[in-house]
Structure formats: C-alpha cells, structure tokens
Amino acid sequence: MDIEIDVEYLQGNTAIKRKMKQKELAALLLDEDVVLLFVNKPKVTYYRRKTKNRSKKS
C-alpha cells in the first residue's frame, strides 16, 4: 500500500505528528520507546453516478 497515513506518536517526551506509509509505521512500532497516539487512514469515498430521470409510462 502506498497510501500516506497521518500518525501522531510519543517518542520519549516529544509528541511527533507526521505522514508515513504503512511499512514505515510497522518499523516504527517495533521500537519499544514509541507510544502511538493517533492514526488516521484517509477516507475512501465512493460517488454514485447520476442516472437519467426516466418517467414511467402508464
């Protein structure tokens, strides 16, 4: 996955907020000194196509 994820974490006494890829996040979580505060995956939005108004014939 090449999606950038917003991540906020504590490393020592410093709060760090940055965008990273899933593999970078996995490598970061292997460090025992890191406390994960917030992860926000981008929202995938689906749009419906507009359909033509077809009047029903009686």
PDB file of N, CA and C in Angstrom:
ATOM      1  N   MET A   1       0.832  -1.183   0.000  1.00  0.00           N
ATOM      2  CA  MET A   1       0.000   0.000   0.000  1.00  0.00           C
ATOM      3  C   MET A   1       0.874   1.243   0.000  1.00  0.00           C
ATOM      4  N   ASP A   2       0.560   2.138  -0.876  1.00  0.00           N
ATOM      5  CA  ASP A   2       1.325   3.373  -0.951  1.00  0.00           C
ATOM      6  C   ASP A   2       0.541   4.560  -0.419  1.00  0.00           C
ATOM      7  N   ILE A   3      -0.425   4.306   0.447  1.00  0.00           N
ATOM      8  CA  ILE A   3      -1.245   5.383   0.991  1.00  0.00           C
ATOM      9  C   ILE A   3      -0.512   6.022   2.164  1.00  0.00           C
ATOM     10  N   GLU A   4      -0.490   7.332   2.189  1.00  0.00           N
ATOM     11  CA  GLU A   4       0.110   8.072   3.301  1.00  0.00           C
ATOM     12  C   GLU A   4      -0.888   8.119   4.456  1.00  0.00           C
ATOM     13  N   ILE A   5      -0.429   7.820   5.654  1.00  0.00           N
ATOM     14  CA  ILE A   5      -1.271   7.788   6.842  1.00  0.00           C
ATOM     15  C   ILE A   5      -0.799   8.878   7.798  1.00  0.00           C
ATOM     16  N   ASP A   6      -1.746   9.635   8.363  1.00  0.00           N
ATOM     17  CA  ASP A   6      -1.410  10.629   9.384  1.00  0.00           C
ATOM     18  C   ASP A   6      -1.195   9.895  10.704  1.00  0.00           C
ATOM     19  N   VAL A   7      -0.038  10.100  11.315  1.00  0.00           N
ATOM     20  CA  VAL A   7       0.316   9.393  12.549  1.00  0.00           C
ATOM     21  C   VAL A   7       0.807  10.404  13.577  1.00  0.00           C
ATOM     22  N   GLU A   8       0.353  10.237  14.817  1.00  0.00           N
ATOM     23  CA  GLU A   8       0.865  11.041  15.924  1.00  0.00           C
ATOM     24  C   GLU A   8       1.332  10.069  17.001  1.00  0.00           C
ATOM     25  N   TYR A   9       2.572  10.252  17.457  1.00  0.00           N
ATOM     26  CA  TYR A   9       3.125   9.336  18.448  1.00  0.00           C
ATOM     27  C   TYR A   9       4.046  10.079  19.402  1.00  0.00           C
ATOM     28  N   LEU A  10       4.290   9.439  20.551  1.00  0.00           N
ATOM     29  CA  LEU A  10       5.231   9.966  21.542  1.00  0.00           C
ATOM     30  C   LEU A  10       6.525   9.182  21.450  1.00  0.00           C
ATOM     31  N   GLN A  11       7.618   9.899  21.377  1.00  0.00           N
ATOM     32  CA  GLN A  11       8.928   9.264  21.434  1.00  0.00           C
ATOM     33  C   GLN A  11       9.704   9.977  22.523  1.00  0.00           C
ATOM     34  N   GLY A  12       9.875   9.284  23.636  1.00  0.00           N
ATOM     35  CA  GLY A  12      10.437   9.937  24.814  1.00  0.00           C
ATOM     36  C   GLY A  12       9.389  10.871  25.383  1.00  0.00           C
ATOM     37  N   ASN A  13       9.695  12.156  25.486  1.00  0.00           N
ATOM     38  CA  ASN A  13       8.728  13.154  25.951  1.00  0.00           C
ATOM     39  C   ASN A  13       8.261  14.069  24.822  1.00  0.00           C
ATOM     40  N   THR A  14       8.549  13.701  23.590  1.00  0.00           N
ATOM     41  CA  THR A  14       8.231  14.544  22.446  1.00  0.00           C
ATOM     42  C   THR A  14       7.083  13.951  21.640  1.00  0.00           C
ATOM     43  N   ALA A  15       6.054  14.767  21.387  1.00  0.00           N
ATOM     44  CA  ALA A  15       4.948  14.344  20.523  1.00  0.00           C
ATOM     45  C   ALA A  15       5.315  14.685  19.081  1.00  0.00           C
ATOM     46  N   ILE A  16       5.233  13.702  18.211  1.00  0.00           N
ATOM     47  CA  ILE A  16       5.604  13.876  16.810  1.00  0.00           C
ATOM     48  C   ILE A  16       4.392  13.549  15.947  1.00  0.00           C
ATOM     49  N   LYS A  17       4.122  14.444  15.003  1.00  0.00           N
ATOM     50  CA  LYS A  17       2.998  14.256  14.090  1.00  0.00           C
ATOM     51  C   LYS A  17       3.539  14.308  12.673  1.00  0.00           C
ATOM     52  N   ARG A  18       3.317  13.230  11.888  1.00  0.00           N
ATOM     53  CA  ARG A  18       3.814  13.207  10.516  1.00  0.00           C
ATOM     54  C   ARG A  18       3.040  12.223   9.663  1.00  0.00           C
ATOM     55  N   LYS A  19       3.267  12.285   8.375  1.00  0.00           N
ATOM     56  CA  LYS A  19       2.645  11.352   7.438  1.00  0.00           C
ATOM     57  C   LYS A  19       3.666  10.284   7.095  1.00  0.00           C
ATOM     58  N   MET A  20       3.223   9.042   7.063  1.00  0.00           N
ATOM     59  CA  MET A  20       4.122   7.956   6.713  1.00  0.00           C
ATOM     60  C   MET A  20       3.344   6.837   6.049  1.00  0.00           C
ATOM     61  N   LYS A  21       4.069   5.954   5.418  1.00  0.00           N
ATOM     62  CA  LYS A  21       3.451   4.806   4.766  1.00  0.00           C
ATOM     63  C   LYS A  21       3.318   3.669   5.769  1.00  0.00           C
ATOM     64  N   GLN A  22       2.543   2.655   5.398  1.00  0.00           N
ATOM     65  CA  GLN A  22       2.240   1.559   6.309  1.00  0.00           C
ATOM     66  C   GLN A  22       3.503   0.808   6.739  1.00  0.00           C
ATOM     67  N   LYS A  23       4.449   0.616   5.832  1.00  0.00           N
ATOM     68  CA  LYS A  23       5.689  -0.089   6.178  1.00  0.00           C
ATOM     69  C   LYS A  23       6.527   0.721   7.160  1.00  0.00           C
ATOM     70  N   GLU A  24       6.537   2.047   6.998  1.00  0.00           N
ATOM     71  CA  GLU A  24       7.271   2.905   7.930  1.00  0.00           C
ATOM     72  C   GLU A  24       6.642   2.845   9.318  1.00  0.00           C
ATOM     73  N   LEU A  25       5.307   2.800   9.368  1.00  0.00           N
ATOM     74  CA  LEU A  25       4.607   2.705  10.644  1.00  0.00           C
ATOM     75  C   LEU A  25       4.916   1.380  11.329  1.00  0.00           C
ATOM     76  N   ALA A  26       4.959   0.298  10.565  1.00  0.00           N
ATOM     77  CA  ALA A  26       5.281  -1.014  11.128  1.00  0.00           C
ATOM     78  C   ALA A  26       6.692  -1.024  11.716  1.00  0.00           C
ATOM     79  N   ALA A  27       7.640  -0.411  11.023  1.00  0.00           N
ATOM     80  CA  ALA A  27       9.014  -0.339  11.523  1.00  0.00           C
ATOM     81  C   ALA A  27       9.089   0.530  12.773  1.00  0.00           C
ATOM     82  N   LEU A  28       8.294   1.592  12.814  1.00  0.00           N
ATOM     83  CA  LEU A  28       8.274   2.485  13.971  1.00  0.00           C
ATOM     84  C   LEU A  28       7.736   1.771  15.210  1.00  0.00           C
ATOM     85  N   LEU A  29       6.717   0.936  15.018  1.00  0.00           N
ATOM     86  CA  LEU A  29       6.089   0.261  16.154  1.00  0.00           C
ATOM     87  C   LEU A  29       6.964  -0.837  16.751  1.00  0.00           C
ATOM     88  N   LEU A  30       8.010  -1.248  16.048  1.00  0.00           N
ATOM     89  CA  LEU A  30       8.936  -2.233  16.610  1.00  0.00           C
ATOM     90  C   LEU A  30       9.787  -1.631  17.722  1.00  0.00           C
ATOM     91  N   ASP A  31       9.923  -0.304  17.725  1.00  0.00           N
ATOM     92  CA  ASP A  31      10.670   0.399  18.767  1.00  0.00           C
ATOM     93  C   ASP A  31       9.832   0.425  20.044  1.00  0.00           C
ATOM     94  N   GLU A  32      10.386  -0.027  21.156  1.00  0.00           N
ATOM     95  CA  GLU A  32       9.640  -0.107  22.416  1.00  0.00           C
ATOM     96  C   GLU A  32       9.444   1.252  23.071  1.00  0.00           C
ATOM     97  N   ASP A  33      10.180   2.260  22.634  1.00  0.00           N
ATOM     98  CA  ASP A  33      10.108   3.582  23.248  1.00  0.00           C
ATOM     99  C   ASP A  33       9.010   4.458  22.632  1.00  0.00           C
ATOM    100  N   VAL A  34       8.258   3.927  21.672  1.00  0.00           N
ATOM    101  CA  VAL A  34       7.248   4.703  20.954  1.00  0.00           C
ATOM    102  C   VAL A  34       5.858   4.368  21.481  1.00  0.00           C
ATOM    103  N   VAL A  35       5.063   5.419  21.774  1.00  0.00           N
ATOM    104  CA  VAL A  35       3.664   5.254  22.183  1.00  0.00           C
ATOM    105  C   VAL A  35       2.805   5.886  21.097  1.00  0.00           C
ATOM    106  N   LEU A  36       1.962   5.081  20.479  1.00  0.00           N
ATOM    107  CA  LEU A  36       1.121   5.553  19.387  1.00  0.00           C
ATOM    108  C   LEU A  36      -0.088   6.280  19.952  1.00  0.00           C
ATOM    109  N   LEU A  37      -0.312   7.529  19.508  1.00  0.00           N
ATOM    110  CA  LEU A  37      -1.437   8.323  19.990  1.00  0.00           C
ATOM    111  C   LEU A  37      -2.602   8.341  19.010  1.00  0.00           C
ATOM    112  N   PHE A  38      -2.305   8.460  17.720  1.00  0.00           N
ATOM    113  CA  PHE A  38      -3.358   8.711  16.747  1.00  0.00           C
ATOM    114  C   PHE A  38      -2.941   8.196  15.372  1.00  0.00           C
ATOM    115  N   VAL A  39      -3.837   7.464  14.725  1.00  0.00           N
ATOM    116  CA  VAL A  39      -3.620   7.028  13.346  1.00  0.00           C
ATOM    117  C   VAL A  39      -4.887   7.333  12.571  1.00  0.00           C
ATOM    118  N   ASN A  40      -4.736   7.996  11.431  1.00  0.00           N
ATOM    119  CA  ASN A  40      -5.893   8.345  10.624  1.00  0.00           C
ATOM    120  C   ASN A  40      -5.659   7.930   9.186  1.00  0.00           C
ATOM    121  N   LYS A  41      -6.362   6.909   8.766  1.00  0.00           N
ATOM    122  CA  LYS A  41      -6.282   6.470   7.381  1.00  0.00           C
ATOM    123  C   LYS A  41      -7.190   7.357   6.537  1.00  0.00           C
ATOM    124  N   PRO A  42      -6.747   7.763   5.364  1.00  0.00           N
ATOM    125  CA  PRO A  42      -7.602   8.596   4.517  1.00  0.00           C
ATOM    126  C   PRO A  42      -8.918   7.895   4.188  1.00  0.00           C
ATOM    127  N   LYS A  43      -9.977   8.666   4.162  1.00  0.00           N
ATOM    128  CA  LYS A  43     -11.300   8.106   3.911  1.00  0.00           C
ATOM    129  C   LYS A  43     -11.482   7.867   2.411  1.00  0.00           C
ATOM    130  N   VAL A  44     -11.931   6.671   2.075  1.00  0.00           N
ATOM    131  CA  VAL A  44     -12.215   6.341   0.687  1.00  0.00           C
ATOM    132  C   VAL A  44     -13.670   6.684   0.431  1.00  0.00           C
ATOM    133  N   THR A  45     -13.912   7.490  -0.578  1.00  0.00           N
ATOM    134  CA  THR A  45     -15.266   7.944  -0.871  1.00  0.00           C
ATOM    135  C   THR A  45     -15.703   7.412  -2.224  1.00  0.00           C
ATOM    136  N   TYR A  46     -16.894   6.881  -2.254  1.00  0.00           N
ATOM    137  CA  TYR A  46     -17.474   6.399  -3.497  1.00  0.00           C
ATOM    138  C   TYR A  46     -18.622   7.317  -3.887  1.00  0.00           C
ATOM    139  N   TYR A  47     -18.664   7.676  -5.132  1.00  0.00           N
ATOM    140  CA  TYR A  47     -19.722   8.544  -5.636  1.00  0.00           C
ATOM    141  C   TYR A  47     -20.615   7.744  -6.578  1.00  0.00           C
ATOM    142  N   ARG A  48     -21.911   7.977  -6.446  1.00  0.00           N
ATOM    143  CA  ARG A  48     -22.842   7.329  -7.360  1.00  0.00           C
ATOM    144  C   ARG A  48     -22.996   8.184  -8.603  1.00  0.00           C
ATOM    145  N   ARG A  49     -23.100   7.528  -9.726  1.00  0.00           N
ATOM    146  CA  ARG A  49     -23.350   8.264 -10.962  1.00  0.00           C
ATOM    147  C   ARG A  49     -24.790   8.732 -10.988  1.00  0.00           C
ATOM    148  N   LYS A  50     -24.995   9.882 -11.568  1.00  0.00           N
ATOM    149  CA  LYS A  50     -26.356  10.371 -11.729  1.00  0.00           C
ATOM    150  C   LYS A  50     -27.027   9.572 -12.839  1.00  0.00           C
ATOM    151  N   THR A  51     -28.235   9.162 -12.587  1.00  0.00           N
ATOM    152  CA  THR A  51     -28.982   8.440 -13.611  1.00  0.00           C
ATOM    153  C   THR A  51     -29.991   9.383 -14.237  1.00  0.00           C
ATOM    154  N   LYS A  52     -30.312   9.122 -15.462  1.00  0.00           N
ATOM    155  CA  LYS A  52     -31.289   9.963 -16.151  1.00  0.00           C
ATOM    156  C   LYS A  52     -32.660   9.728 -15.538  1.00  0.00           C
ATOM    157  N   ASN A  53     -33.421  10.790 -15.403  1.00  0.00           N
ATOM    158  CA  ASN A  53     -34.786  10.667 -14.896  1.00  0.00           C
ATOM    159  C   ASN A  53     -35.646  10.045 -15.984  1.00  0.00           C
ATOM    160  N   ARG A  54     -36.063   8.867 -15.747  1.00  0.00           N
ATOM    161  CA  ARG A  54     -36.920   8.189 -16.713  1.00  0.00           C
ATOM    162  C   ARG A  54     -38.319   8.124 -16.137  1.00  0.00           C
ATOM    163  N   SER A  55     -39.224   8.758 -16.810  1.00  0.00           N
ATOM    164  CA  SER A  55     -40.606   8.744 -16.320  1.00  0.00           C
ATOM    165  C   SER A  55     -41.252   7.413 -16.699  1.00  0.00           C
ATOM    166  N   LYS A  56     -42.012   6.895 -15.769  1.00  0.00           N
ATOM    167  CA  LYS A  56     -42.698   5.621 -16.015  1.00  0.00           C
ATOM    168  C   LYS A  56     -43.905   5.859 -16.905  1.00  0.00           C
ATOM    169  N   LYS A  57     -44.041   5.016 -17.895  1.00  0.00           N
ATOM    170  CA  LYS A  57     -45.198   5.128 -18.789  1.00  0.00           C
ATOM    171  C   LYS A  57     -46.369   4.379 -18.187  1.00  0.00           C
ATOM    172  N   SER A  58     -47.532   5.017 -18.187  1.00  0.00           N
ATOM    173  CA  SER A  58     -48.734   4.390 -17.637  1.00  0.00           C
ATOM    174  C   SER A  58     -49.528   3.699 -18.705  1.00  0.00           C
TER     175      SER A  58
END
